[in-house]
Amino acid sequence: MGEWIRFWIVAVILVCAIAAFITETVGLFRFGFVMNRMHAAGIGDSFGLGCVVLSMIIASGLNLTSLKLFLLVLFMWLTSPVSTHFLSRIEINTNPFIFRHVRFDAGDGTHREEMKA
């Protein structure tokens, strides 16, 4: 009986992961601006990967493999935002038409029309 409960919990979590990956893919194709696409990809990857690995941890039980899978998720959750930030900075510095899409806040409530490099 306990194996069937574990099976259905894993199945539900995997369905959530598939839904996250489908939503990510739709966002990548539907959004027109590169920053919106990166946001959709980052959220989908983080949540989808978390759900897949959580389901694998539940399926395998608590053992050394579970610890390794948890460390994999931790590594991905630490490196994915850094790479997304790096790519967004490249977009800001190389796209001359970025100001059509993004308003930069100067920190005092006013908005800068141009970002100084």
PDB file of N, CA and C in Angstrom:
ATOM      1  N   MET A   1       0.812  -1.197   0.000  1.00  0.00           N
ATOM      2  CA  MET A   1       0.000   0.000   0.000  1.00  0.00           C
ATOM      3  C   MET A   1       0.857   1.263   0.000  1.00  0.00           C
ATOM      4  N   GLY A   2       1.949   1.252   0.790  1.00  0.00           N
ATOM      5  CA  GLY A   2       2.818   2.421   0.871  1.00  0.00           C
ATOM      6  C   GLY A   2       3.525   2.730  -0.438  1.00  0.00           C
ATOM      7  N   GLU A   3       3.825   1.668  -1.206  1.00  0.00           N
ATOM      8  CA  GLU A   3       4.480   1.884  -2.503  1.00  0.00           C
ATOM      9  C   GLU A   3       3.557   2.603  -3.475  1.00  0.00           C
ATOM     10  N   TRP A   4       2.259   2.293  -3.420  1.00  0.00           N
ATOM     11  CA  TRP A   4       1.315   2.963  -4.312  1.00  0.00           C
ATOM     12  C   TRP A   4       1.152   4.432  -3.940  1.00  0.00           C
ATOM     13  N   ILE A   5       1.178   4.738  -2.669  1.00  0.00           N
ATOM     14  CA  ILE A   5       1.083   6.149  -2.249  1.00  0.00           C
ATOM     15  C   ILE A   5       2.307   6.904  -2.725  1.00  0.00           C
ATOM     16  N   ARG A   6       3.479   6.299  -2.554  1.00  0.00           N
ATOM     17  CA  ARG A   6       4.705   6.939  -3.026  1.00  0.00           C
ATOM     18  C   ARG A   6       4.669   7.106  -4.548  1.00  0.00           C
ATOM     19  N   PHE A   7       4.163   6.111  -5.258  1.00  0.00           N
ATOM     20  CA  PHE A   7       4.058   6.192  -6.711  1.00  0.00           C
ATOM     21  C   PHE A   7       3.180   7.366  -7.134  1.00  0.00           C
ATOM     22  N   TRP A   8       2.027   7.527  -6.497  1.00  0.00           N
ATOM     23  CA  TRP A   8       1.118   8.610  -6.887  1.00  0.00           C
ATOM     24  C   TRP A   8       1.667   9.980  -6.498  1.00  0.00           C
ATOM     25  N   ILE A   9       2.379  10.073  -5.400  1.00  0.00           N
ATOM     26  CA  ILE A   9       3.014  11.350  -5.042  1.00  0.00           C
ATOM     27  C   ILE A   9       4.062  11.715  -6.083  1.00  0.00           C
ATOM     28  N   VAL A  10       4.883  10.749  -6.464  1.00  0.00           N
ATOM     29  CA  VAL A  10       5.899  10.987  -7.498  1.00  0.00           C
ATOM     30  C   VAL A  10       5.236  11.358  -8.820  1.00  0.00           C
ATOM     31  N   ALA A  11       4.149  10.685  -9.170  1.00  0.00           N
ATOM     32  CA  ALA A  11       3.464  10.972 -10.433  1.00  0.00           C
ATOM     33  C   ALA A  11       2.895  12.387 -10.442  1.00  0.00           C
ATOM     34  N   VAL A  12       2.304  12.820  -9.352  1.00  0.00           N
ATOM     35  CA  VAL A  12       1.739  14.175  -9.284  1.00  0.00           C
ATOM     36  C   VAL A  12       2.842  15.222  -9.387  1.00  0.00           C
ATOM     37  N   ILE A  13       3.951  14.993  -8.712  1.00  0.00           N
ATOM     38  CA  ILE A  13       5.059  15.952  -8.781  1.00  0.00           C
ATOM     39  C   ILE A  13       5.641  15.990 -10.185  1.00  0.00           C
ATOM     40  N   LEU A  14       5.731  14.852 -10.850  1.00  0.00           N
ATOM     41  CA  LEU A  14       6.236  14.842 -12.229  1.00  0.00           C
ATOM     42  C   LEU A  14       5.279  15.543 -13.187  1.00  0.00           C
ATOM     43  N   VAL A  15       3.985  15.427 -12.962  1.00  0.00           N
ATOM     44  CA  VAL A  15       3.017  16.161 -13.787  1.00  0.00           C
ATOM     45  C   VAL A  15       3.194  17.671 -13.583  1.00  0.00           C
ATOM     46  N   CYS A  16       3.449  18.097 -12.342  1.00  0.00           N
ATOM     47  CA  CYS A  16       3.734  19.519 -12.094  1.00  0.00           C
ATOM     48  C   CYS A  16       4.994  19.962 -12.828  1.00  0.00           C
ATOM     49  N   ALA A  17       6.007  19.109 -12.858  1.00  0.00           N
ATOM     50  CA  ALA A  17       7.241  19.442 -13.575  1.00  0.00           C
ATOM     51  C   ALA A  17       6.984  19.559 -15.067  1.00  0.00           C
ATOM     52  N   ILE A  18       6.200  18.638 -15.618  1.00  0.00           N
ATOM     53  CA  ILE A  18       5.885  18.704 -17.049  1.00  0.00           C
ATOM     54  C   ILE A  18       5.106  19.973 -17.358  1.00  0.00           C
ATOM     55  N   ALA A  19       4.175  20.341 -16.475  1.00  0.00           N
ATOM     56  CA  ALA A  19       3.418  21.588 -16.670  1.00  0.00           C
ATOM     57  C   ALA A  19       4.349  22.798 -16.632  1.00  0.00           C
ATOM     58  N   ALA A  20       5.334  22.779 -15.748  1.00  0.00           N
ATOM     59  CA  ALA A  20       6.293  23.891 -15.677  1.00  0.00           C
ATOM     60  C   ALA A  20       7.123  23.973 -16.948  1.00  0.00           C
ATOM     61  N   PHE A  21       7.556  22.838 -17.465  1.00  0.00           N
ATOM     62  CA  PHE A  21       8.354  22.842 -18.691  1.00  0.00           C
ATOM     63  C   PHE A  21       7.524  23.268 -19.900  1.00  0.00           C
ATOM     64  N   ILE A  22       6.264  22.865 -19.947  1.00  0.00           N
ATOM     65  CA  ILE A  22       5.393  23.300 -21.044  1.00  0.00           C
ATOM     66  C   ILE A  22       5.150  24.802 -20.967  1.00  0.00           C
ATOM     67  N   THR A  23       4.896  25.312 -19.761  1.00  0.00           N
ATOM     68  CA  THR A  23       4.704  26.750 -19.584  1.00  0.00           C
ATOM     69  C   THR A  23       5.956  27.521 -19.972  1.00  0.00           C
ATOM     70  N   GLU A  24       7.103  26.993 -19.624  1.00  0.00           N
ATOM     71  CA  GLU A  24       8.368  27.621 -20.003  1.00  0.00           C
ATOM     72  C   GLU A  24       8.519  27.674 -21.517  1.00  0.00           C
ATOM     73  N   THR A  25       8.222  26.575 -22.176  1.00  0.00           N
ATOM     74  CA  THR A  25       8.354  26.523 -23.632  1.00  0.00           C
ATOM     75  C   THR A  25       7.388  27.494 -24.309  1.00  0.00           C
ATOM     76  N   VAL A  26       6.168  27.549 -23.831  1.00  0.00           N
ATOM     77  CA  VAL A  26       5.193  28.495 -24.392  1.00  0.00           C
ATOM     78  C   VAL A  26       5.674  29.925 -24.171  1.00  0.00           C
ATOM     79  N   GLY A  27       6.205  30.212 -22.989  1.00  0.00           N
ATOM     80  CA  GLY A  27       6.725  31.545 -22.711  1.00  0.00           C
ATOM     81  C   GLY A  27       7.897  31.912 -23.607  1.00  0.00           C
ATOM     82  N   LEU A  28       8.746  30.943 -23.904  1.00  0.00           N
ATOM     83  CA  LEU A  28       9.882  31.216 -24.782  1.00  0.00           C
ATOM     84  C   LEU A  28       9.441  31.581 -26.192  1.00  0.00           C
ATOM     85  N   PHE A  29       8.368  30.970 -26.652  1.00  0.00           N
ATOM     86  CA  PHE A  29       7.907  31.256 -28.008  1.00  0.00           C
ATOM     87  C   PHE A  29       6.935  32.433 -28.077  1.00  0.00           C
ATOM     88  N   ARG A  30       6.210  32.704 -27.007  1.00  0.00           N
ATOM     89  CA  ARG A  30       5.189  33.754 -27.053  1.00  0.00           C
ATOM     90  C   ARG A  30       5.737  35.148 -26.722  1.00  0.00           C
ATOM     91  N   PHE A  31       6.691  35.217 -25.801  1.00  0.00           N
ATOM     92  CA  PHE A  31       7.215  36.526 -25.411  1.00  0.00           C
ATOM     93  C   PHE A  31       8.119  37.064 -26.503  1.00  0.00           C
ATOM     94  N   GLY A  32       8.040  38.376 -26.722  1.00  0.00           N
ATOM     95  CA  GLY A  32       8.818  38.980 -27.784  1.00  0.00           C
ATOM     96  C   GLY A  32      10.150  39.549 -27.320  1.00  0.00           C
ATOM     97  N   PHE A  33      10.217  39.964 -26.069  1.00  0.00           N
ATOM     98  CA  PHE A  33      11.424  40.614 -25.563  1.00  0.00           C
ATOM     99  C   PHE A  33      12.317  39.583 -24.882  1.00  0.00           C
ATOM    100  N   VAL A  34      13.607  39.712 -25.076  1.00  0.00           N
ATOM    101  CA  VAL A  34      14.558  38.702 -24.610  1.00  0.00           C
ATOM    102  C   VAL A  34      14.570  38.581 -23.091  1.00  0.00           C
ATOM    103  N   MET A  35      14.352  39.682 -22.370  1.00  0.00           N
ATOM    104  CA  MET A  35      14.349  39.605 -20.901  1.00  0.00           C
ATOM    105  C   MET A  35      13.146  38.799 -20.408  1.00  0.00           C
ATOM    106  N   ASN A  36      12.006  38.954 -21.047  1.00  0.00           N
ATOM    107  CA  ASN A  36      10.830  38.165 -20.677  1.00  0.00           C
ATOM    108  C   ASN A  36      11.059  36.688 -20.967  1.00  0.00           C
ATOM    109  N   ARG A  37      11.717  36.403 -22.065  1.00  0.00           N
ATOM    110  CA  ARG A  37      12.028  35.012 -22.396  1.00  0.00           C
ATOM    111  C   ARG A  37      12.970  34.408 -21.363  1.00  0.00           C
ATOM    112  N   MET A  38      13.963  35.166 -20.944  1.00  0.00           N
ATOM    113  CA  MET A  38      14.903  34.660 -19.948  1.00  0.00           C
ATOM    114  C   MET A  38      14.210  34.424 -18.613  1.00  0.00           C
ATOM    115  N   HIS A  39      13.259  35.295 -18.266  1.00  0.00           N
ATOM    116  CA  HIS A  39      12.525  35.109 -17.021  1.00  0.00           C
ATOM    117  C   HIS A  39      11.695  33.828 -17.072  1.00  0.00           C
ATOM    118  N   ALA A  40      11.002  33.615 -18.189  1.00  0.00           N
ATOM    119  CA  ALA A  40      10.202  32.393 -18.344  1.00  0.00           C
ATOM    120  C   ALA A  40      11.091  31.153 -18.278  1.00  0.00           C
ATOM    121  N   ALA A  41      12.245  31.212 -18.919  1.00  0.00           N
ATOM    122  CA  ALA A  41      13.153  30.062 -18.912  1.00  0.00           C
ATOM    123  C   ALA A  41      13.718  29.817 -17.516  1.00  0.00           C
ATOM    124  N   GLY A  42      14.072  30.866 -16.814  1.00  0.00           N
ATOM    125  CA  GLY A  42      14.638  30.706 -15.475  1.00  0.00           C
ATOM    126  C   GLY A  42      13.645  30.139 -14.483  1.00  0.00           C
ATOM    127  N   ILE A  43      12.425  30.645 -14.501  1.00  0.00           N
ATOM    128  CA  ILE A  43      11.403  30.149 -13.583  1.00  0.00           C
ATOM    129  C   ILE A  43      11.038  28.701 -13.931  1.00  0.00           C
ATOM    130  N   GLY A  44      10.870  28.434 -15.215  1.00  0.00           N
ATOM    131  CA  GLY A  44      10.532  27.066 -15.620  1.00  0.00           C
ATOM    132  C   GLY A  44      11.618  26.072 -15.281  1.00  0.00           C
ATOM    133  N   ASP A  45      12.865  26.459 -15.507  1.00  0.00           N
ATOM    134  CA  ASP A  45      13.967  25.543 -15.197  1.00  0.00           C
ATOM    135  C   ASP A  45      14.081  25.302 -13.697  1.00  0.00           C
ATOM    136  N   SER A  46      13.981  26.357 -12.912  1.00  0.00           N
ATOM    137  CA  SER A  46      14.131  26.196 -11.461  1.00  0.00           C
ATOM    138  C   SER A  46      13.016  25.335 -10.883  1.00  0.00           C
ATOM    139  N   PHE A  47      11.776  25.656 -11.210  1.00  0.00           N
ATOM    140  CA  PHE A  47      10.657  24.899 -10.660  1.00  0.00           C
ATOM    141  C   PHE A  47      10.590  23.499 -11.260  1.00  0.00           C
ATOM    142  N   GLY A  48      10.780  23.407 -12.565  1.00  0.00           N
ATOM    143  CA  GLY A  48      10.712  22.092 -13.219  1.00  0.00           C
ATOM    144  C   GLY A  48      11.801  21.161 -12.731  1.00  0.00           C
ATOM    145  N   LEU A  49      13.025  21.664 -12.657  1.00  0.00           N
ATOM    146  CA  LEU A  49      14.123  20.835 -12.164  1.00  0.00           C
ATOM    147  C   LEU A  49      13.905  20.446 -10.712  1.00  0.00           C
ATOM    148  N   GLY A  50      13.433  21.389  -9.910  1.00  0.00           N
ATOM    149  CA  GLY A  50      13.151  21.079  -8.504  1.00  0.00           C
ATOM    150  C   GLY A  50      12.125  19.980  -8.355  1.00  0.00           C
ATOM    151  N   CYS A  51      11.071  20.038  -9.158  1.00  0.00           N
ATOM    152  CA  CYS A  51      10.029  19.005  -9.095  1.00  0.00           C
ATOM    153  C   CYS A  51      10.548  17.649  -9.561  1.00  0.00           C
ATOM    154  N   VAL A  52      11.313  17.620 -10.624  1.00  0.00           N
ATOM    155  CA  VAL A  52      11.843  16.347 -11.126  1.00  0.00           C
ATOM    156  C   VAL A  52      12.763  15.709 -10.094  1.00  0.00           C
ATOM    157  N   VAL A  53      13.651  16.488  -9.534  1.00  0.00           N
ATOM    158  CA  VAL A  53      14.599  15.921  -8.567  1.00  0.00           C
ATOM    159  C   VAL A  53      13.894  15.550  -7.268  1.00  0.00           C
ATOM    160  N   LEU A  54      12.907  16.354  -6.846  1.00  0.00           N
ATOM    161  CA  LEU A  54      12.134  15.985  -5.656  1.00  0.00           C
ATOM    162  C   LEU A  54      11.420  14.655  -5.864  1.00  0.00           C
ATOM    163  N   SER A  55      10.869  14.461  -7.039  1.00  0.00           N
ATOM    164  CA  SER A  55      10.210  13.178  -7.307  1.00  0.00           C
ATOM    165  C   SER A  55      11.214  12.027  -7.315  1.00  0.00           C
ATOM    166  N   MET A  56      12.419  12.278  -7.814  1.00  0.00           N
ATOM    167  CA  MET A  56      13.444  11.230  -7.791  1.00  0.00           C
ATOM    168  C   MET A  56      13.886  10.916  -6.365  1.00  0.00           C
ATOM    169  N   ILE A  57      13.963  11.938  -5.522  1.00  0.00           N
ATOM    170  CA  ILE A  57      14.336  11.725  -4.121  1.00  0.00           C
ATOM    171  C   ILE A  57      13.271  10.900  -3.416  1.00  0.00           C
ATOM    172  N   ILE A  58      12.000  11.234  -3.653  1.00  0.00           N
ATOM    173  CA  ILE A  58      10.916  10.473  -3.029  1.00  0.00           C
ATOM    174  C   ILE A  58      10.897   9.041  -3.543  1.00  0.00           C
ATOM    175  N   ALA A  59      11.135   8.860  -4.834  1.00  0.00           N
ATOM    176  CA  ALA A  59      11.108   7.516  -5.410  1.00  0.00           C
ATOM    177  C   ALA A  59      12.248   6.643  -4.886  1.00  0.00           C
ATOM    178  N   SER A  60      13.421   7.237  -4.662  1.00  0.00           N
ATOM    179  CA  SER A  60      14.558   6.428  -4.225  1.00  0.00           C
ATOM    180  C   SER A  60      14.615   6.252  -2.714  1.00  0.00           C
ATOM    181  N   GLY A  61      13.909   7.087  -1.972  1.00  0.00           N
ATOM    182  CA  GLY A  61      13.970   7.003  -0.513  1.00  0.00           C
ATOM    183  C   GLY A  61      15.138   7.830   0.008  1.00  0.00           C
ATOM    184  N   LEU A  62      15.294   7.845   1.307  1.00  0.00           N
ATOM    185  CA  LEU A  62      16.381   8.613   1.914  1.00  0.00           C
ATOM    186  C   LEU A  62      17.648   7.761   1.952  1.00  0.00           C
ATOM    187  N   ASN A  63      18.611   8.141   1.116  1.00  0.00           N
ATOM    188  CA  ASN A  63      19.899   7.449   1.071  1.00  0.00           C
ATOM    189  C   ASN A  63      20.936   8.426   0.528  1.00  0.00           C
ATOM    190  N   LEU A  64      22.111   7.939   0.216  1.00  0.00           N
ATOM    191  CA  LEU A  64      23.182   8.798  -0.276  1.00  0.00           C
ATOM    192  C   LEU A  64      22.837   9.405  -1.635  1.00  0.00           C
ATOM    193  N   THR A  65      22.102   8.668  -2.444  1.00  0.00           N
ATOM    194  CA  THR A  65      21.675   9.187  -3.744  1.00  0.00           C
ATOM    195  C   THR A  65      20.773  10.409  -3.567  1.00  0.00           C
ATOM    196  N   SER A  66      19.922  10.392  -2.559  1.00  0.00           N
ATOM    197  CA  SER A  66      19.049  11.539  -2.285  1.00  0.00           C
ATOM    198  C   SER A  66      19.868  12.780  -1.942  1.00  0.00           C
ATOM    199  N   LEU A  67      20.917  12.583  -1.170  1.00  0.00           N
ATOM    200  CA  LEU A  67      21.791  13.708  -0.828  1.00  0.00           C
ATOM    201  C   LEU A  67      22.458  14.275  -2.077  1.00  0.00           C
ATOM    202  N   LYS A  68      22.906  13.408  -2.953  1.00  0.00           N
ATOM    203  CA  LYS A  68      23.538  13.855  -4.194  1.00  0.00           C
ATOM    204  C   LYS A  68      22.543  14.613  -5.069  1.00  0.00           C
ATOM    205  N   LEU A  69      21.318  14.125  -5.141  1.00  0.00           N
ATOM    206  CA  LEU A  69      20.291  14.825  -5.924  1.00  0.00           C
ATOM    207  C   LEU A  69      19.967  16.185  -5.312  1.00  0.00           C
ATOM    208  N   PHE A  70      19.913  16.254  -3.978  1.00  0.00           N
ATOM    209  CA  PHE A  70      19.670  17.533  -3.321  1.00  0.00           C
ATOM    210  C   PHE A  70      20.806  18.511  -3.602  1.00  0.00           C
ATOM    211  N   LEU A  71      22.042  18.038  -3.580  1.00  0.00           N
ATOM    212  CA  LEU A  71      23.178  18.905  -3.896  1.00  0.00           C
ATOM    213  C   LEU A  71      23.139  19.369  -5.353  1.00  0.00           C
ATOM    214  N   LEU A  72      22.627  18.534  -6.239  1.00  0.00           N
ATOM    215  CA  LEU A  72      22.452  18.931  -7.639  1.00  0.00           C
ATOM    216  C   LEU A  72      21.467  20.086  -7.756  1.00  0.00           C
ATOM    217  N   VAL A  73      20.341  19.992  -7.065  1.00  0.00           N
ATOM    218  CA  VAL A  73      19.351  21.078  -7.086  1.00  0.00           C
ATOM    219  C   VAL A  73      19.938  22.341  -6.481  1.00  0.00           C
ATOM    220  N   LEU A  74      20.650  22.207  -5.391  1.00  0.00           N
ATOM    221  CA  LEU A  74      21.275  23.372  -4.758  1.00  0.00           C
ATOM    222  C   LEU A  74      22.255  24.042  -5.711  1.00  0.00           C
ATOM    223  N   PHE A  75      23.055  23.260  -6.401  1.00  0.00           N
ATOM    224  CA  PHE A  75      24.004  23.810  -7.371  1.00  0.00           C
ATOM    225  C   PHE A  75      23.277  24.544  -8.492  1.00  0.00           C
ATOM    226  N   MET A  76      22.222  23.947  -9.019  1.00  0.00           N
ATOM    227  CA  MET A  76      21.472  24.582 -10.101  1.00  0.00           C
ATOM    228  C   MET A  76      20.779  25.859  -9.629  1.00  0.00           C
ATOM    229  N   TRP A  77      20.241  25.848  -8.426  1.00  0.00           N
ATOM    230  CA  TRP A  77      19.563  27.040  -7.917  1.00  0.00           C
ATOM    231  C   TRP A  77      20.553  28.166  -7.618  1.00  0.00           C
ATOM    232  N   LEU A  78      21.816  27.840  -7.391  1.00  0.00           N
ATOM    233  CA  LEU A  78      22.819  28.882  -7.175  1.00  0.00           C
ATOM    234  C   LEU A  78      23.415  29.394  -8.480  1.00  0.00           C
ATOM    235  N   THR A  79      23.565  28.538  -9.476  1.00  0.00           N
ATOM    236  CA  THR A  79      24.225  28.961 -10.708  1.00  0.00           C
ATOM    237  C   THR A  79      23.268  29.517 -11.761  1.00  0.00           C
ATOM    238  N   SER A  80      22.031  29.080 -11.771  1.00  0.00           N
ATOM    239  CA  SER A  80      21.083  29.553 -12.786  1.00  0.00           C
ATOM    240  C   SER A  80      20.802  31.052 -12.687  1.00  0.00           C
ATOM    241  N   PRO A  81      20.552  31.618 -11.502  1.00  0.00           N
ATOM    242  CA  PRO A  81      20.352  33.067 -11.445  1.00  0.00           C
ATOM    243  C   PRO A  81      21.590  33.869 -11.837  1.00  0.00           C
ATOM    244  N   VAL A  82      22.765  33.334 -11.540  1.00  0.00           N
ATOM    245  CA  VAL A  82      23.989  34.041 -11.897  1.00  0.00           C
ATOM    246  C   VAL A  82      24.144  34.093 -13.414  1.00  0.00           C
ATOM    247  N   SER A  83      23.910  32.987 -14.085  1.00  0.00           N
ATOM    248  CA  SER A  83      24.030  32.988 -15.544  1.00  0.00           C
ATOM    249  C   SER A  83      22.937  33.832 -16.192  1.00  0.00           C
ATOM    250  N   THR A  84      21.723  33.819 -15.644  1.00  0.00           N
ATOM    251  CA  THR A  84      20.656  34.669 -16.168  1.00  0.00           C
ATOM    252  C   THR A  84      20.995  36.143 -15.999  1.00  0.00           C
ATOM    253  N   HIS A  85      21.555  36.508 -14.850  1.00  0.00           N
ATOM    254  CA  HIS A  85      21.959  37.891 -14.628  1.00  0.00           C
ATOM    255  C   HIS A  85      23.058  38.300 -15.605  1.00  0.00           C
ATOM    256  N   PHE A  86      24.013  37.400 -15.835  1.00  0.00           N
ATOM    257  CA  PHE A  86      25.097  37.685 -16.776  1.00  0.00           C
ATOM    258  C   PHE A  86      24.550  37.922 -18.186  1.00  0.00           C
ATOM    259  N   LEU A  87      23.631  37.070 -18.626  1.00  0.00           N
ATOM    260  CA  LEU A  87      23.044  37.243 -19.956  1.00  0.00           C
ATOM    261  C   LEU A  87      22.213  38.520 -20.054  1.00  0.00           C
ATOM    262  N   SER A  88      21.515  38.879 -18.994  1.00  0.00           N
ATOM    263  CA  SER A  88      20.728  40.117 -19.037  1.00  0.00           C
ATOM    264  C   SER A  88      21.640  41.343 -19.077  1.00  0.00           C
ATOM    265  N   ARG A  89      22.761  41.300 -18.394  1.00  0.00           N
ATOM    266  CA  ARG A  89      23.708  42.433 -18.464  1.00  0.00           C
ATOM    267  C   ARG A  89      24.290  42.554 -19.869  1.00  0.00           C
ATOM    268  N   ILE A  90      24.548  41.442 -20.518  1.00  0.00           N
ATOM    269  CA  ILE A  90      25.023  41.482 -21.904  1.00  0.00           C
ATOM    270  C   ILE A  90      23.971  42.131 -22.790  1.00  0.00           C
ATOM    271  N   GLU A  91      22.715  41.771 -22.595  1.00  0.00           N
ATOM    272  CA  GLU A  91      21.628  42.350 -23.393  1.00  0.00           C
ATOM    273  C   GLU A  91      21.523  43.855 -23.149  1.00  0.00           C
ATOM    274  N   ILE A  92      21.629  44.278 -21.916  1.00  0.00           N
ATOM    275  CA  ILE A  92      21.529  45.706 -21.600  1.00  0.00           C
ATOM    276  C   ILE A  92      22.686  46.476 -22.224  1.00  0.00           C
ATOM    277  N   ASN A  93      23.883  45.918 -22.199  1.00  0.00           N
ATOM    278  CA  ASN A  93      25.050  46.627 -22.698  1.00  0.00           C
ATOM    279  C   ASN A  93      25.202  46.586 -24.208  1.00  0.00           C
ATOM    280  N   THR A  94      24.573  45.632 -24.884  1.00  0.00           N
ATOM    281  CA  THR A  94      24.773  45.508 -26.333  1.00  0.00           C
ATOM    282  C   THR A  94      23.564  45.890 -27.171  1.00  0.00           C
ATOM    283  N   ASN A  95      22.370  45.952 -26.587  1.00  0.00           N
ATOM    284  CA  ASN A  95      21.170  46.271 -27.361  1.00  0.00           C
ATOM    285  C   ASN A  95      20.948  47.784 -27.357  1.00  0.00           C
ATOM    286  N   PRO A  96      21.089  48.458 -28.508  1.00  0.00           N
ATOM    287  CA  PRO A  96      20.904  49.912 -28.516  1.00  0.00           C
ATOM    288  C   PRO A  96      19.440  50.326 -28.363  1.00  0.00           C
ATOM    289  N   PHE A  97      18.513  49.414 -28.545  1.00  0.00           N
ATOM    290  CA  PHE A  97      17.093  49.735 -28.453  1.00  0.00           C
ATOM    291  C   PHE A  97      16.459  49.228 -27.156  1.00  0.00           C
ATOM    292  N   ILE A  98      17.285  48.985 -26.143  1.00  0.00           N
ATOM    293  CA  ILE A  98      16.791  48.442 -24.880  1.00  0.00           C
ATOM    294  C   ILE A  98      15.830  49.410 -24.195  1.00  0.00           C
ATOM    295  N   PHE A  99      16.000  50.703 -24.430  1.00  0.00           N
ATOM    296  CA  PHE A  99      15.195  51.704 -23.729  1.00  0.00           C
ATOM    297  C   PHE A  99      13.772  51.776 -24.255  1.00  0.00           C
ATOM    298  N   ARG A 100      13.484  51.067 -25.337  1.00  0.00           N
ATOM    299  CA  ARG A 100      12.103  50.958 -25.796  1.00  0.00           C
ATOM    300  C   ARG A 100      11.321  49.974 -24.931  1.00  0.00           C
ATOM    301  N   HIS A 101      12.027  49.114 -24.246  1.00  0.00           N
ATOM    302  CA  HIS A 101      11.383  48.054 -23.475  1.00  0.00           C
ATOM    303  C   HIS A 101      11.545  48.207 -21.973  1.00  0.00           C
ATOM    304  N   VAL A 102      12.630  48.837 -21.537  1.00  0.00           N
ATOM    305  CA  VAL A 102      12.985  48.862 -20.124  1.00  0.00           C
ATOM    306  C   VAL A 102      13.128  50.299 -19.658  1.00  0.00           C
ATOM    307  N   ARG A 103      12.586  50.589 -18.472  1.00  0.00           N
ATOM    308  CA  ARG A 103      12.785  51.888 -17.835  1.00  0.00           C
ATOM    309  C   ARG A 103      13.701  51.676 -16.650  1.00  0.00           C
ATOM    310  N   PHE A 104      14.808  52.379 -16.617  1.00  0.00           N
ATOM    311  CA  PHE A 104      15.775  52.221 -15.539  1.00  0.00           C
ATOM    312  C   PHE A 104      15.490  53.229 -14.446  1.00  0.00           C
ATOM    313  N   ASP A 105      15.456  52.760 -13.215  1.00  0.00           N
ATOM    314  CA  ASP A 105      15.194  53.612 -12.065  1.00  0.00           C
ATOM    315  C   ASP A 105      16.529  54.119 -11.524  1.00  0.00           C
ATOM    316  N   ALA A 106      16.610  55.442 -11.309  1.00  0.00           N
ATOM    317  CA  ALA A 106      17.851  56.035 -10.820  1.00  0.00           C
ATOM    318  C   ALA A 106      18.014  55.857  -9.315  1.00  0.00           C
ATOM    319  N   GLY A 107      16.991  55.377  -8.620  1.00  0.00           N
ATOM    320  CA  GLY A 107      17.097  55.148  -7.193  1.00  0.00           C
ATOM    321  C   GLY A 107      16.441  56.225  -6.365  1.00  0.00           C
ATOM    322  N   ASP A 108      16.187  57.394  -6.935  1.00  0.00           N
ATOM    323  CA  ASP A 108      15.557  58.488  -6.198  1.00  0.00           C
ATOM    324  C   ASP A 108      14.141  58.765  -6.688  1.00  0.00           C
ATOM    325  N   GLY A 109      13.547  57.819  -7.382  1.00  0.00           N
ATOM    326  CA  GLY A 109      12.185  57.987  -7.872  1.00  0.00           C
ATOM    327  C   GLY A 109      12.114  58.504  -9.294  1.00  0.00           C
ATOM    328  N   THR A 110      13.242  58.978  -9.817  1.00  0.00           N
ATOM    329  CA  THR A 110      13.254  59.445 -11.202  1.00  0.00           C
ATOM    330  C   THR A 110      13.754  58.322 -12.096  1.00  0.00           C
ATOM    331  N   HIS A 111      13.447  58.428 -13.367  1.00  0.00           N
ATOM    332  CA  HIS A 111      13.870  57.401 -14.318  1.00  0.00           C
ATOM    333  C   HIS A 111      14.858  57.995 -15.305  1.00  0.00           C
ATOM    334  N   ARG A 112      15.928  57.269 -15.537  1.00  0.00           N
ATOM    335  CA  ARG A 112      16.920  57.713 -16.507  1.00  0.00           C
ATOM    336  C   ARG A 112      16.469  57.307 -17.893  1.00  0.00           C
ATOM    337  N   GLU A 113      16.686  58.159 -18.839  1.00  0.00           N
ATOM    338  CA  GLU A 113      16.363  57.849 -20.228  1.00  0.00           C
ATOM    339  C   GLU A 113      17.436  56.986 -20.853  1.00  0.00           C
ATOM    340  N   GLU A 114      18.652  57.151 -20.407  1.00  0.00           N
ATOM    341  CA  GLU A 114      19.748  56.346 -20.933  1.00  0.00           C
ATOM    342  C   GLU A 114      20.583  55.848 -19.769  1.00  0.00           C
ATOM    343  N   MET A 115      21.123  54.682 -19.948  1.00  0.00           N
ATOM    344  CA  MET A 115      22.016  54.138 -18.932  1.00  0.00           C
ATOM    345  C   MET A 115      23.437  54.445 -19.352  1.00  0.00           C
ATOM    346  N   LYS A 116      24.196  55.009 -18.451  1.00  0.00           N
ATOM    347  CA  LYS A 116      25.596  55.357 -18.772  1.00  0.00           C
ATOM    348  C   LYS A 116      26.465  54.158 -18.463  1.00  0.00           C
ATOM    349  N   ALA A 117      27.315  53.837 -19.400  1.00  0.00           N
ATOM    350  CA  ALA A 117      28.189  52.666 -19.243  1.00  0.00           C
ATOM    351  C   ALA A 117      29.345  52.951 -18.328  1.00  0.00           C
TER     352      ALA A 117
END
